[in-house]
Amino acid sequence: MKGSAPGGLVQAARRFTAGGSSAQLRTAGQVDAAGRIWLWYDMWVPADDPDFPPDAASRLEKVFDGATMWSFMATVGQSGITLNCYVMQPHGASEGDVREERQQAGAQFRVMIERMTIEVR
């Protein structure tokens, strides 16, 4: 099941990007994986984002333009789960290379989500 994300998720992601971060919301949605509905959003986070610790940002900026961040959220019982996955984009990467890397990463992340076992204690 694929679909658009509930408005509350999109609004929360927009508040995050409006709070001083230079991250940009690309899209959001929902998907059925591993027997649970996951809400997700896709954001671009530049390497010089002010939310990164300064020492990490200075190292990231030397090698990467930024990262695609996929955030997946679901519930188990009354507990919430958030899984963040990042795909780093090196300096000088072509559009085709970036697209291929994102597709491969997306396939790998989906397998990870489908194989996860989550227990509430």
PDB file of N, CA and C in Angstrom:
ATOM      1  N   MET A   1       0.847  -1.176   0.000  1.00  0.00           N
ATOM      2  CA  MET A   1       0.000   0.000   0.000  1.00  0.00           C
ATOM      3  C   MET A   1       0.882   1.224   0.000  1.00  0.00           C
ATOM      4  N   LYS A   2       0.766   2.010  -0.984  1.00  0.00           N
ATOM      5  CA  LYS A   2       1.479   3.277  -1.034  1.00  0.00           C
ATOM      6  C   LYS A   2       0.446   4.377  -1.035  1.00  0.00           C
ATOM      7  N   GLY A   3       0.779   5.498  -0.457  1.00  0.00           N
ATOM      8  CA  GLY A   3      -0.168   6.593  -0.460  1.00  0.00           C
ATOM      9  C   GLY A   3       0.472   7.844   0.063  1.00  0.00           C
ATOM     10  N   SER A   4      -0.297   8.892   0.054  1.00  0.00           N
ATOM     11  CA  SER A   4       0.223  10.146   0.563  1.00  0.00           C
ATOM     12  C   SER A   4       0.173  10.133   2.079  1.00  0.00           C
ATOM     13  N   ALA A   5       1.054  10.905   2.657  1.00  0.00           N
ATOM     14  CA  ALA A   5       1.149  10.944   4.117  1.00  0.00           C
ATOM     15  C   ALA A   5       0.030  11.786   4.695  1.00  0.00           C
ATOM     16  N   PRO A   6      -0.387  11.447   5.906  1.00  0.00           N
ATOM     17  CA  PRO A   6      -1.360  12.295   6.595  1.00  0.00           C
ATOM     18  C   PRO A   6      -0.809  13.708   6.739  1.00  0.00           C
ATOM     19  N   GLY A   7      -1.696  14.687   6.692  1.00  0.00           N
ATOM     20  CA  GLY A   7      -1.290  16.089   6.753  1.00  0.00           C
ATOM     21  C   GLY A   7      -0.457  16.430   7.970  1.00  0.00           C
ATOM     22  N   GLY A   8      -0.710  15.775   9.117  1.00  0.00           N
ATOM     23  CA  GLY A   8       0.043  16.058  10.336  1.00  0.00           C
ATOM     24  C   GLY A   8       1.515  15.746  10.191  1.00  0.00           C
ATOM     25  N   LEU A   9       1.854  14.657   9.480  1.00  0.00           N
ATOM     26  CA  LEU A   9       3.252  14.302   9.262  1.00  0.00           C
ATOM     27  C   LEU A   9       3.944  15.351   8.414  1.00  0.00           C
ATOM     28  N   VAL A  10       3.289  15.761   7.352  1.00  0.00           N
ATOM     29  CA  VAL A  10       3.868  16.772   6.472  1.00  0.00           C
ATOM     30  C   VAL A  10       4.058  18.086   7.230  1.00  0.00           C
ATOM     31  N   GLN A  11       3.060  18.460   8.040  1.00  0.00           N
ATOM     32  CA  GLN A  11       3.186  19.698   8.823  1.00  0.00           C
ATOM     33  C   GLN A  11       4.333  19.600   9.817  1.00  0.00           C
ATOM     34  N   ALA A  12       4.495  18.440  10.473  1.00  0.00           N
ATOM     35  CA  ALA A  12       5.599  18.263  11.431  1.00  0.00           C
ATOM     36  C   ALA A  12       6.943  18.371  10.734  1.00  0.00           C
ATOM     37  N   ALA A  13       7.064  17.780   9.557  1.00  0.00           N
ATOM     38  CA  ALA A  13       8.318  17.862   8.810  1.00  0.00           C
ATOM     39  C   ALA A  13       8.591  19.297   8.377  1.00  0.00           C
ATOM     40  N   ARG A  14       7.569  20.019   7.987  1.00  0.00           N
ATOM     41  CA  ARG A  14       7.760  21.424   7.594  1.00  0.00           C
ATOM     42  C   ARG A  14       8.167  22.282   8.782  1.00  0.00           C
ATOM     43  N   ARG A  15       7.613  21.993   9.968  1.00  0.00           N
ATOM     44  CA  ARG A  15       8.023  22.735  11.174  1.00  0.00           C
ATOM     45  C   ARG A  15       9.490  22.469  11.468  1.00  0.00           C
ATOM     46  N   PHE A  16       9.925  21.211  11.284  1.00  0.00           N
ATOM     47  CA  PHE A  16      11.320  20.853  11.508  1.00  0.00           C
ATOM     48  C   PHE A  16      12.224  21.672  10.587  1.00  0.00           C
ATOM     49  N   THR A  17      11.848  21.761   9.312  1.00  0.00           N
ATOM     50  CA  THR A  17      12.696  22.479   8.360  1.00  0.00           C
ATOM     51  C   THR A  17      12.613  23.983   8.553  1.00  0.00           C
ATOM     52  N   ALA A  18      11.555  24.468   9.175  1.00  0.00           N
ATOM     53  CA  ALA A  18      11.409  25.915   9.391  1.00  0.00           C
ATOM     54  C   ALA A  18      12.091  26.362  10.677  1.00  0.00           C
ATOM     55  N   GLY A  19      12.536  25.422  11.517  1.00  0.00           N
ATOM     56  CA  GLY A  19      13.083  25.757  12.826  1.00  0.00           C
ATOM     57  C   GLY A  19      14.551  26.106  12.826  1.00  0.00           C
ATOM     58  N   GLY A  20      15.103  26.630  11.755  1.00  0.00           N
ATOM     59  CA  GLY A  20      16.505  26.991  11.720  1.00  0.00           C
ATOM     60  C   GLY A  20      17.340  26.013  10.920  1.00  0.00           C
ATOM     61  N   SER A  21      16.797  24.856  10.660  1.00  0.00           N
ATOM     62  CA  SER A  21      17.494  23.867   9.847  1.00  0.00           C
ATOM     63  C   SER A  21      17.424  24.302   8.387  1.00  0.00           C
ATOM     64  N   SER A  22      18.443  23.934   7.620  1.00  0.00           N
ATOM     65  CA  SER A  22      18.394  24.218   6.183  1.00  0.00           C
ATOM     66  C   SER A  22      17.921  22.996   5.397  1.00  0.00           C
ATOM     67  N   ALA A  23      17.424  21.974   6.115  1.00  0.00           N
ATOM     68  CA  ALA A  23      16.884  20.784   5.460  1.00  0.00           C
ATOM     69  C   ALA A  23      15.662  21.158   4.630  1.00  0.00           C
ATOM     70  N   GLN A  24      15.460  20.408   3.550  1.00  0.00           N
ATOM     71  CA  GLN A  24      14.340  20.676   2.654  1.00  0.00           C
ATOM     72  C   GLN A  24      13.487  19.417   2.520  1.00  0.00           C
ATOM     73  N   LEU A  25      12.205  19.538   2.824  1.00  0.00           N
ATOM     74  CA  LEU A  25      11.275  18.430   2.657  1.00  0.00           C
ATOM     75  C   LEU A  25      11.041  18.214   1.168  1.00  0.00           C
ATOM     76  N   ARG A  26      11.284  17.000   0.694  1.00  0.00           N
ATOM     77  CA  ARG A  26      11.048  16.676  -0.716  1.00  0.00           C
ATOM     78  C   ARG A  26       9.664  16.079  -0.913  1.00  0.00           C
ATOM     79  N   THR A  27       9.359  15.057  -0.117  1.00  0.00           N
ATOM     80  CA  THR A  27       8.067  14.398  -0.237  1.00  0.00           C
ATOM     81  C   THR A  27       7.810  13.567   1.015  1.00  0.00           C
ATOM     82  N   ALA A  28       6.596  13.107   1.162  1.00  0.00           N
ATOM     83  CA  ALA A  28       6.219  12.274   2.309  1.00  0.00           C
ATOM     84  C   ALA A  28       5.158  11.297   1.851  1.00  0.00           C
ATOM     85  N   GLY A  29       5.014  10.200   2.589  1.00  0.00           N
ATOM     86  CA  GLY A  29       4.014   9.215   2.214  1.00  0.00           C
ATOM     87  C   GLY A  29       3.849   8.152   3.270  1.00  0.00           C
ATOM     88  N   GLN A  30       3.244   7.062   2.867  1.00  0.00           N
ATOM     89  CA  GLN A  30       3.076   5.919   3.755  1.00  0.00           C
ATOM     90  C   GLN A  30       3.234   4.651   2.934  1.00  0.00           C
ATOM     91  N   VAL A  31       3.712   3.599   3.596  1.00  0.00           N
ATOM     92  CA  VAL A  31       3.923   2.328   2.912  1.00  0.00           C
ATOM     93  C   VAL A  31       3.671   1.195   3.898  1.00  0.00           C
ATOM     94  N   ASP A  32       3.131   0.095   3.397  1.00  0.00           N
ATOM     95  CA  ASP A  32       2.918  -1.109   4.203  1.00  0.00           C
ATOM     96  C   ASP A  32       4.145  -1.983   4.013  1.00  0.00           C
ATOM     97  N   ALA A  33       4.895  -2.207   5.102  1.00  0.00           N
ATOM     98  CA  ALA A  33       6.079  -3.066   5.051  1.00  0.00           C
ATOM     99  C   ALA A  33       6.170  -3.822   6.361  1.00  0.00           C
ATOM    100  N   ALA A  34       6.491  -5.094   6.268  1.00  0.00           N
ATOM    101  CA  ALA A  34       6.653  -5.951   7.441  1.00  0.00           C
ATOM    102  C   ALA A  34       5.396  -5.973   8.303  1.00  0.00           C
ATOM    103  N   GLY A  35       4.236  -5.912   7.655  1.00  0.00           N
ATOM    104  CA  GLY A  35       2.983  -6.011   8.387  1.00  0.00           C
ATOM    105  C   GLY A  35       2.606  -4.788   9.193  1.00  0.00           C
ATOM    106  N   ARG A  36       3.224  -3.663   8.892  1.00  0.00           N
ATOM    107  CA  ARG A  36       2.887  -2.446   9.634  1.00  0.00           C
ATOM    108  C   ARG A  36       2.922  -1.272   8.650  1.00  0.00           C
ATOM    109  N   ILE A  37       2.117  -0.274   8.967  1.00  0.00           N
ATOM    110  CA  ILE A  37       2.091   0.938   8.144  1.00  0.00           C
ATOM    111  C   ILE A  37       3.201   1.871   8.651  1.00  0.00           C
ATOM    112  N   TRP A  38       4.066   2.248   7.761  1.00  0.00           N
ATOM    113  CA  TRP A  38       5.149   3.191   8.074  1.00  0.00           C
ATOM    114  C   TRP A  38       4.831   4.520   7.401  1.00  0.00           C
ATOM    115  N   LEU A  39       4.874   5.588   8.152  1.00  0.00           N
ATOM    116  CA  LEU A  39       4.825   6.935   7.590  1.00  0.00           C
ATOM    117  C   LEU A  39       6.268   7.333   7.332  1.00  0.00           C
ATOM    118  N   TRP A  40       6.511   8.047   6.260  1.00  0.00           N
ATOM    119  CA  TRP A  40       7.894   8.400   5.946  1.00  0.00           C
ATOM    120  C   TRP A  40       7.956   9.777   5.320  1.00  0.00           C
ATOM    121  N   TYR A  41       9.134  10.370   5.409  1.00  0.00           N
ATOM    122  CA  TYR A  41       9.403  11.552   4.612  1.00  0.00           C
ATOM    123  C   TYR A  41      10.829  11.513   4.110  1.00  0.00           C
ATOM    124  N   ASP A  42      11.035  12.228   3.024  1.00  0.00           N
ATOM    125  CA  ASP A  42      12.304  12.301   2.310  1.00  0.00           C
ATOM    126  C   ASP A  42      12.750  13.755   2.381  1.00  0.00           C
ATOM    127  N   MET A  43      13.933  13.972   2.942  1.00  0.00           N
ATOM    128  CA  MET A  43      14.459  15.332   3.070  1.00  0.00           C
ATOM    129  C   MET A  43      15.880  15.399   2.520  1.00  0.00           C
ATOM    130  N   TRP A  44      16.248  16.560   2.048  1.00  0.00           N
ATOM    131  CA  TRP A  44      17.633  16.854   1.678  1.00  0.00           C
ATOM    132  C   TRP A  44      18.225  17.678   2.816  1.00  0.00           C
ATOM    133  N   VAL A  45      19.372  17.232   3.324  1.00  0.00           N
ATOM    134  CA  VAL A  45      20.044  17.933   4.411  1.00  0.00           C
ATOM    135  C   VAL A  45      21.436  18.320   3.927  1.00  0.00           C
ATOM    136  N   PRO A  46      21.689  19.619   3.688  1.00  0.00           N
ATOM    137  CA  PRO A  46      23.016  20.051   3.242  1.00  0.00           C
ATOM    138  C   PRO A  46      24.075  19.772   4.306  1.00  0.00           C
ATOM    139  N   ALA A  47      25.305  19.549   3.884  1.00  0.00           N
ATOM    140  CA  ALA A  47      26.397  19.248   4.815  1.00  0.00           C
ATOM    141  C   ALA A  47      26.637  20.382   5.805  1.00  0.00           C
ATOM    142  N   ASP A  48      26.275  21.610   5.431  1.00  0.00           N
ATOM    143  CA  ASP A  48      26.497  22.748   6.332  1.00  0.00           C
ATOM    144  C   ASP A  48      25.250  23.087   7.164  1.00  0.00           C
ATOM    145  N   ASP A  49      24.347  22.115   7.303  1.00  0.00           N
ATOM    146  CA  ASP A  49      23.119  22.349   8.079  1.00  0.00           C
ATOM    147  C   ASP A  49      23.473  22.767   9.509  1.00  0.00           C
ATOM    148  N   PRO A  50      22.847  23.824  10.023  1.00  0.00           N
ATOM    149  CA  PRO A  50      23.179  24.301  11.365  1.00  0.00           C
ATOM    150  C   PRO A  50      22.841  23.316  12.480  1.00  0.00           C
ATOM    151  N   ASP A  51      22.031  22.283  12.191  1.00  0.00           N
ATOM    152  CA  ASP A  51      21.712  21.293  13.214  1.00  0.00           C
ATOM    153  C   ASP A  51      22.829  20.273  13.419  1.00  0.00           C
ATOM    154  N   PHE A  52      23.785  20.196  12.491  1.00  0.00           N
ATOM    155  CA  PHE A  52      24.928  19.310  12.682  1.00  0.00           C
ATOM    156  C   PHE A  52      25.882  19.942  13.688  1.00  0.00           C
ATOM    157  N   PRO A  53      26.494  19.142  14.550  1.00  0.00           N
ATOM    158  CA  PRO A  53      27.531  19.702  15.427  1.00  0.00           C
ATOM    159  C   PRO A  53      28.643  20.304  14.571  1.00  0.00           C
ATOM    160  N   PRO A  54      29.199  21.448  14.973  1.00  0.00           N
ATOM    161  CA  PRO A  54      30.197  22.131  14.134  1.00  0.00           C
ATOM    162  C   PRO A  54      31.367  21.259  13.704  1.00  0.00           C
ATOM    163  N   ASP A  55      31.900  20.424  14.587  1.00  0.00           N
ATOM    164  CA  ASP A  55      33.045  19.604  14.193  1.00  0.00           C
ATOM    165  C   ASP A  55      32.651  18.560  13.158  1.00  0.00           C
ATOM    166  N   ALA A  56      31.446  18.012  13.266  1.00  0.00           N
ATOM    167  CA  ALA A  56      30.972  17.049  12.274  1.00  0.00           C
ATOM    168  C   ALA A  56      30.713  17.752  10.948  1.00  0.00           C
ATOM    169  N   ALA A  57      30.110  18.918  10.990  1.00  0.00           N
ATOM    170  CA  ALA A  57      29.800  19.667   9.772  1.00  0.00           C
ATOM    171  C   ALA A  57      31.067  19.991   8.999  1.00  0.00           C
ATOM    172  N   SER A  58      32.115  20.420   9.688  1.00  0.00           N
ATOM    173  CA  SER A  58      33.354  20.782   8.986  1.00  0.00           C
ATOM    174  C   SER A  58      33.962  19.568   8.287  1.00  0.00           C
ATOM    175  N   ARG A  59      33.847  18.394   8.887  1.00  0.00           N
ATOM    176  CA  ARG A  59      34.361  17.172   8.238  1.00  0.00           C
ATOM    177  C   ARG A  59      33.460  16.760   7.083  1.00  0.00           C
ATOM    178  N   LEU A  60      32.143  16.836   7.267  1.00  0.00           N
ATOM    179  CA  LEU A  60      31.210  16.452   6.213  1.00  0.00           C
ATOM    180  C   LEU A  60      31.368  17.326   4.981  1.00  0.00           C
ATOM    181  N   GLU A  61      31.492  18.638   5.208  1.00  0.00           N
ATOM    182  CA  GLU A  61      31.572  19.585   4.092  1.00  0.00           C
ATOM    183  C   GLU A  61      32.783  19.338   3.194  1.00  0.00           C
ATOM    184  N   LYS A  62      33.829  18.727   3.732  1.00  0.00           N
ATOM    185  CA  LYS A  62      35.042  18.465   2.935  1.00  0.00           C
ATOM    186  C   LYS A  62      34.811  17.385   1.892  1.00  0.00           C
ATOM    187  N   VAL A  63      33.863  16.478   2.148  1.00  0.00           N
ATOM    188  CA  VAL A  63      33.680  15.314   1.287  1.00  0.00           C
ATOM    189  C   VAL A  63      32.297  15.264   0.620  1.00  0.00           C
ATOM    190  N   PHE A  64      31.286  15.774   1.325  1.00  0.00           N
ATOM    191  CA  PHE A  64      29.907  15.614   0.861  1.00  0.00           C
ATOM    192  C   PHE A  64      29.214  16.955   0.652  1.00  0.00           C
ATOM    193  N   ASP A  65      28.279  16.963  -0.312  1.00  0.00           N
ATOM    194  CA  ASP A  65      27.389  18.118  -0.486  1.00  0.00           C
ATOM    195  C   ASP A  65      26.284  18.088   0.561  1.00  0.00           C
ATOM    196  N   GLY A  66      25.905  16.888   0.976  1.00  0.00           N
ATOM    197  CA  GLY A  66      24.840  16.722   1.952  1.00  0.00           C
ATOM    198  C   GLY A  66      24.344  15.297   1.933  1.00  0.00           C
ATOM    199  N   ALA A  67      23.121  15.121   2.412  1.00  0.00           N
ATOM    200  CA  ALA A  67      22.572  13.779   2.501  1.00  0.00           C
ATOM    201  C   ALA A  67      21.075  13.785   2.248  1.00  0.00           C
ATOM    202  N   THR A  68      20.611  12.701   1.654  1.00  0.00           N
ATOM    203  CA  THR A  68      19.190  12.415   1.625  1.00  0.00           C
ATOM    204  C   THR A  68      18.884  11.738   2.948  1.00  0.00           C
ATOM    205  N   MET A  69      17.859  12.193   3.630  1.00  0.00           N
ATOM    206  CA  MET A  69      17.443  11.555   4.876  1.00  0.00           C
ATOM    207  C   MET A  69      16.033  11.024   4.680  1.00  0.00           C
ATOM    208  N   TRP A  70      15.885   9.733   4.913  1.00  0.00           N
ATOM    209  CA  TRP A  70      14.568   9.125   4.919  1.00  0.00           C
ATOM    210  C   TRP A  70      14.243   8.805   6.358  1.00  0.00           C
ATOM    211  N   SER A  71      13.137   9.290   6.839  1.00  0.00           N
ATOM    212  CA  SER A  71      12.699   9.027   8.201  1.00  0.00           C
ATOM    213  C   SER A  71      11.426   8.201   8.123  1.00  0.00           C
ATOM    214  N   PHE A  72      11.452   7.032   8.763  1.00  0.00           N
ATOM    215  CA  PHE A  72      10.315   6.116   8.780  1.00  0.00           C
ATOM    216  C   PHE A  72       9.763   6.069  10.194  1.00  0.00           C
ATOM    217  N   MET A  73       8.450   6.175  10.347  1.00  0.00           N
ATOM    218  CA  MET A  73       7.816   6.161  11.664  1.00  0.00           C
ATOM    219  C   MET A  73       6.664   5.170  11.674  1.00  0.00           C
ATOM    220  N   ALA A  74       6.576   4.412  12.774  1.00  0.00           N
ATOM    221  CA  ALA A  74       5.493   3.444  12.946  1.00  0.00           C
ATOM    222  C   ALA A  74       5.230   3.300  14.443  1.00  0.00           C
ATOM    223  N   THR A  75       4.238   2.500  14.775  1.00  0.00           N
ATOM    224  CA  THR A  75       3.953   2.212  16.183  1.00  0.00           C
ATOM    225  C   THR A  75       3.931   0.710  16.403  1.00  0.00           C
ATOM    226  N   VAL A  76       4.278   0.334  17.618  1.00  0.00           N
ATOM    227  CA  VAL A  76       4.143  -1.039  18.091  1.00  0.00           C
ATOM    228  C   VAL A  76       3.495  -0.917  19.450  1.00  0.00           C
ATOM    229  N   GLY A  77       2.291  -1.436  19.590  1.00  0.00           N
ATOM    230  CA  GLY A  77       1.556  -1.229  20.828  1.00  0.00           C
ATOM    231  C   GLY A  77       1.355   0.263  21.029  1.00  0.00           C
ATOM    232  N   GLN A  78       1.796   0.759  22.162  1.00  0.00           N
ATOM    233  CA  GLN A  78       1.682   2.196  22.440  1.00  0.00           C
ATOM    234  C   GLN A  78       3.025   2.907  22.308  1.00  0.00           C
ATOM    235  N   SER A  79       3.994   2.244  21.715  1.00  0.00           N
ATOM    236  CA  SER A  79       5.324   2.834  21.541  1.00  0.00           C
ATOM    237  C   SER A  79       5.526   3.284  20.108  1.00  0.00           C
ATOM    238  N   GLY A  80       6.224   4.387  19.957  1.00  0.00           N
ATOM    239  CA  GLY A  80       6.549   4.887  18.629  1.00  0.00           C
ATOM    240  C   GLY A  80       7.951   4.466  18.228  1.00  0.00           C
ATOM    241  N   ILE A  81       8.135   4.258  16.936  1.00  0.00           N
ATOM    242  CA  ILE A  81       9.429   3.866  16.374  1.00  0.00           C
ATOM    243  C   ILE A  81       9.795   4.892  15.315  1.00  0.00           C
ATOM    244  N   THR A  82      11.029   5.347  15.320  1.00  0.00           N
ATOM    245  CA  THR A  82      11.531   6.198  14.248  1.00  0.00           C
ATOM    246  C   THR A  82      12.839   5.601  13.769  1.00  0.00           C
ATOM    247  N   LEU A  83      12.946   5.407  12.477  1.00  0.00           N
ATOM    248  CA  LEU A  83      14.154   4.876  11.856  1.00  0.00           C
ATOM    249  C   LEU A  83      14.621   5.900  10.830  1.00  0.00           C
ATOM    250  N   ASN A  84      15.818   6.442  11.021  1.00  0.00           N
ATOM    251  CA  ASN A  84      16.374   7.406  10.073  1.00  0.00           C
ATOM    252  C   ASN A  84      17.465   6.735   9.257  1.00  0.00           C
ATOM    253  N   CYS A  85      17.400   6.894   7.951  1.00  0.00           N
ATOM    254  CA  CYS A  85      18.392   6.345   7.029  1.00  0.00           C
ATOM    255  C   CYS A  85      18.955   7.498   6.201  1.00  0.00           C
ATOM    256  N   TYR A  86      20.265   7.473   5.996  1.00  0.00           N
ATOM    257  CA  TYR A  86      20.932   8.559   5.273  1.00  0.00           C
ATOM    258  C   TYR A  86      21.678   8.013   4.074  1.00  0.00           C
ATOM    259  N   VAL A  87      21.627   8.755   2.972  1.00  0.00           N
ATOM    260  CA  VAL A  87      22.416   8.465   1.786  1.00  0.00           C
ATOM    261  C   VAL A  87      23.254   9.718   1.536  1.00  0.00           C
ATOM    262  N   MET A  88      24.565   9.593   1.755  1.00  0.00           N
ATOM    263  CA  MET A  88      25.462  10.733   1.598  1.00  0.00           C
ATOM    264  C   MET A  88      25.743  10.982   0.118  1.00  0.00           C
ATOM    265  N   GLN A  89      25.785  12.260  -0.271  1.00  0.00           N
ATOM    266  CA  GLN A  89      26.059  12.620  -1.659  1.00  0.00           C
ATOM    267  C   GLN A  89      27.436  13.263  -1.744  1.00  0.00           C
ATOM    268  N   PRO A  90      28.407  12.559  -2.349  1.00  0.00           N
ATOM    269  CA  PRO A  90      29.761  13.117  -2.442  1.00  0.00           C
ATOM    270  C   PRO A  90      29.820  14.305  -3.390  1.00  0.00           C
ATOM    271  N   HIS A  91      30.814  15.161  -3.177  1.00  0.00           N
ATOM    272  CA  HIS A  91      31.038  16.296  -4.086  1.00  0.00           C
ATOM    273  C   HIS A  91      31.205  15.769  -5.512  1.00  0.00           C
ATOM    274  N   GLY A  92      30.628  16.461  -6.452  1.00  0.00           N
ATOM    275  CA  GLY A  92      30.825  16.151  -7.864  1.00  0.00           C
ATOM    276  C   GLY A  92      30.051  14.956  -8.377  1.00  0.00           C
ATOM    277  N   ALA A  93      29.165  14.378  -7.593  1.00  0.00           N
ATOM    278  CA  ALA A  93      28.390  13.225  -8.064  1.00  0.00           C
ATOM    279  C   ALA A  93      27.428  13.679  -9.156  1.00  0.00           C
ATOM    280  N   SER A  94      27.342  12.891 -10.217  1.00  0.00           N
ATOM    281  CA  SER A  94      26.418  13.227 -11.301  1.00  0.00           C
ATOM    282  C   SER A  94      24.988  12.934 -10.869  1.00  0.00           C
ATOM    283  N   GLU A  95      24.049  13.541 -11.567  1.00  0.00           N
ATOM    284  CA  GLU A  95      22.627  13.309 -11.275  1.00  0.00           C
ATOM    285  C   GLU A  95      22.279  11.827 -11.403  1.00  0.00           C
ATOM    286  N   GLY A  96      22.844  11.180 -12.424  1.00  0.00           N
ATOM    287  CA  GLY A  96      22.602   9.754 -12.625  1.00  0.00           C
ATOM    288  C   GLY A  96      23.167   8.913 -11.492  1.00  0.00           C
ATOM    289  N   ASP A  97      24.379   9.256 -11.043  1.00  0.00           N
ATOM    290  CA  ASP A  97      24.983   8.529  -9.918  1.00  0.00           C
ATOM    291  C   ASP A  97      24.146   8.685  -8.653  1.00  0.00           C
ATOM    292  N   VAL A  98      23.670   9.897  -8.401  1.00  0.00           N
ATOM    293  CA  VAL A  98      22.851  10.157  -7.213  1.00  0.00           C
ATOM    294  C   VAL A  98      21.556   9.370  -7.297  1.00  0.00           C
ATOM    295  N   ARG A  99      20.909   9.376  -8.439  1.00  0.00           N
ATOM    296  CA  ARG A  99      19.649   8.647  -8.629  1.00  0.00           C
ATOM    297  C   ARG A  99      19.872   7.141  -8.405  1.00  0.00           C
ATOM    298  N   GLU A 100      20.941   6.586  -8.975  1.00  0.00           N
ATOM    299  CA  GLU A 100      21.241   5.163  -8.819  1.00  0.00           C
ATOM    300  C   GLU A 100      21.545   4.821  -7.356  1.00  0.00           C
ATOM    301  N   GLU A 101      22.321   5.656  -6.695  1.00  0.00           N
ATOM    302  CA  GLU A 101      22.650   5.431  -5.284  1.00  0.00           C
ATOM    303  C   GLU A 101      21.392   5.448  -4.414  1.00  0.00           C
ATOM    304  N   ARG A 102      20.499   6.398  -4.679  1.00  0.00           N
ATOM    305  CA  ARG A 102      19.245   6.481  -3.913  1.00  0.00           C
ATOM    306  C   ARG A 102      18.374   5.246  -4.146  1.00  0.00           C
ATOM    307  N   GLN A 103      18.314   4.767  -5.392  1.00  0.00           N
ATOM    308  CA  GLN A 103      17.510   3.583  -5.692  1.00  0.00           C
ATOM    309  C   GLN A 103      18.067   2.359  -4.976  1.00  0.00           C
ATOM    310  N   GLN A 104      19.389   2.190  -5.004  1.00  0.00           N
ATOM    311  CA  GLN A 104      20.016   1.054  -4.323  1.00  0.00           C
ATOM    312  C   GLN A 104      19.808   1.145  -2.815  1.00  0.00           C
ATOM    313  N   ALA A 105      19.994   2.330  -2.271  1.00  0.00           N
ATOM    314  CA  ALA A 105      19.814   2.515  -0.829  1.00  0.00           C
ATOM    315  C   ALA A 105      18.364   2.255  -0.434  1.00  0.00           C
ATOM    316  N   GLY A 106      17.431   2.744  -1.222  1.00  0.00           N
ATOM    317  CA  GLY A 106      16.016   2.519  -0.929  1.00  0.00           C
ATOM    318  C   GLY A 106      15.682   1.039  -0.886  1.00  0.00           C
ATOM    319  N   ALA A 107      16.221   0.277  -1.831  1.00  0.00           N
ATOM    320  CA  ALA A 107      15.985  -1.167  -1.854  1.00  0.00           C
ATOM    321  C   ALA A 107      16.595  -1.832  -0.620  1.00  0.00           C
ATOM    322  N   GLN A 108      17.794  -1.397  -0.232  1.00  0.00           N
ATOM    323  CA  GLN A 108      18.439  -1.963   0.955  1.00  0.00           C
ATOM    324  C   GLN A 108      17.675  -1.607   2.227  1.00  0.00           C
ATOM    325  N   PHE A 109      17.224  -0.363   2.335  1.00  0.00           N
ATOM    326  CA  PHE A 109      16.483   0.054   3.522  1.00  0.00           C
ATOM    327  C   PHE A 109      15.164  -0.705   3.635  1.00  0.00           C
ATOM    328  N   ARG A 110      14.514  -0.939   2.506  1.00  0.00           N
ATOM    329  CA  ARG A 110      13.249  -1.689   2.539  1.00  0.00           C
ATOM    330  C   ARG A 110      13.481  -3.098   3.069  1.00  0.00           C
ATOM    331  N   VAL A 111      14.549  -3.753   2.612  1.00  0.00           N
ATOM    332  CA  VAL A 111      14.873  -5.094   3.110  1.00  0.00           C
ATOM    333  C   VAL A 111      15.124  -5.040   4.620  1.00  0.00           C
ATOM    334  N   MET A 112      15.841  -4.023   5.081  1.00  0.00           N
ATOM    335  CA  MET A 112      16.099  -3.893   6.518  1.00  0.00           C
ATOM    336  C   MET A 112      14.796  -3.771   7.296  1.00  0.00           C
ATOM    337  N   ILE A 113      13.895  -2.926   6.812  1.00  0.00           N
ATOM    338  CA  ILE A 113      12.611  -2.730   7.495  1.00  0.00           C
ATOM    339  C   ILE A 113      11.808  -4.022   7.510  1.00  0.00           C
ATOM    340  N   GLU A 114      11.803  -4.738   6.399  1.00  0.00           N
ATOM    341  CA  GLU A 114      11.017  -5.969   6.326  1.00  0.00           C
ATOM    342  C   GLU A 114      11.584  -7.073   7.213  1.00  0.00           C
ATOM    343  N   ARG A 115      12.881  -7.028   7.487  1.00  0.00           N
ATOM    344  CA  ARG A 115      13.506  -8.073   8.308  1.00  0.00           C
ATOM    345  C   ARG A 115      13.530  -7.742   9.797  1.00  0.00           C
ATOM    346  N   MET A 116      13.197  -6.526  10.163  1.00  0.00           N
ATOM    347  CA  MET A 116      13.250  -6.133  11.557  1.00  0.00           C
ATOM    348  C   MET A 116      12.191  -6.847  12.385  1.00  0.00           C
ATOM    349  N   THR A 117      12.589  -7.205  13.588  1.00  0.00           N
ATOM    350  CA  THR A 117      11.645  -7.700  14.581  1.00  0.00           C
ATOM    351  C   THR A 117      11.660  -6.692  15.709  1.00  0.00           C
ATOM    352  N   ILE A 118      10.479  -6.227  16.072  1.00  0.00           N
ATOM    353  CA  ILE A 118      10.383  -5.192  17.086  1.00  0.00           C
ATOM    354  C   ILE A 118       9.565  -5.727  18.242  1.00  0.00           C
ATOM    355  N   GLU A 119      10.145  -5.640  19.431  1.00  0.00           N
ATOM    356  CA  GLU A 119       9.452  -6.100  20.626  1.00  0.00           C
ATOM    357  C   GLU A 119       9.329  -4.939  21.605  1.00  0.00           C
ATOM    358  N   VAL A 120       8.153  -4.806  22.190  1.00  0.00           N
ATOM    359  CA  VAL A 120       7.936  -3.781  23.207  1.00  0.00           C
ATOM    360  C   VAL A 120       8.119  -4.455  24.560  1.00  0.00           C
ATOM    361  N   ARG A 121       8.901  -3.827  25.419  1.00  0.00           N
ATOM    362  CA  ARG A 121       9.148  -4.391  26.764  1.00  0.00           C
ATOM    363  C   ARG A 121       8.578  -3.501  27.819  1.00  0.00           C
TER     364      ARG A 121
END
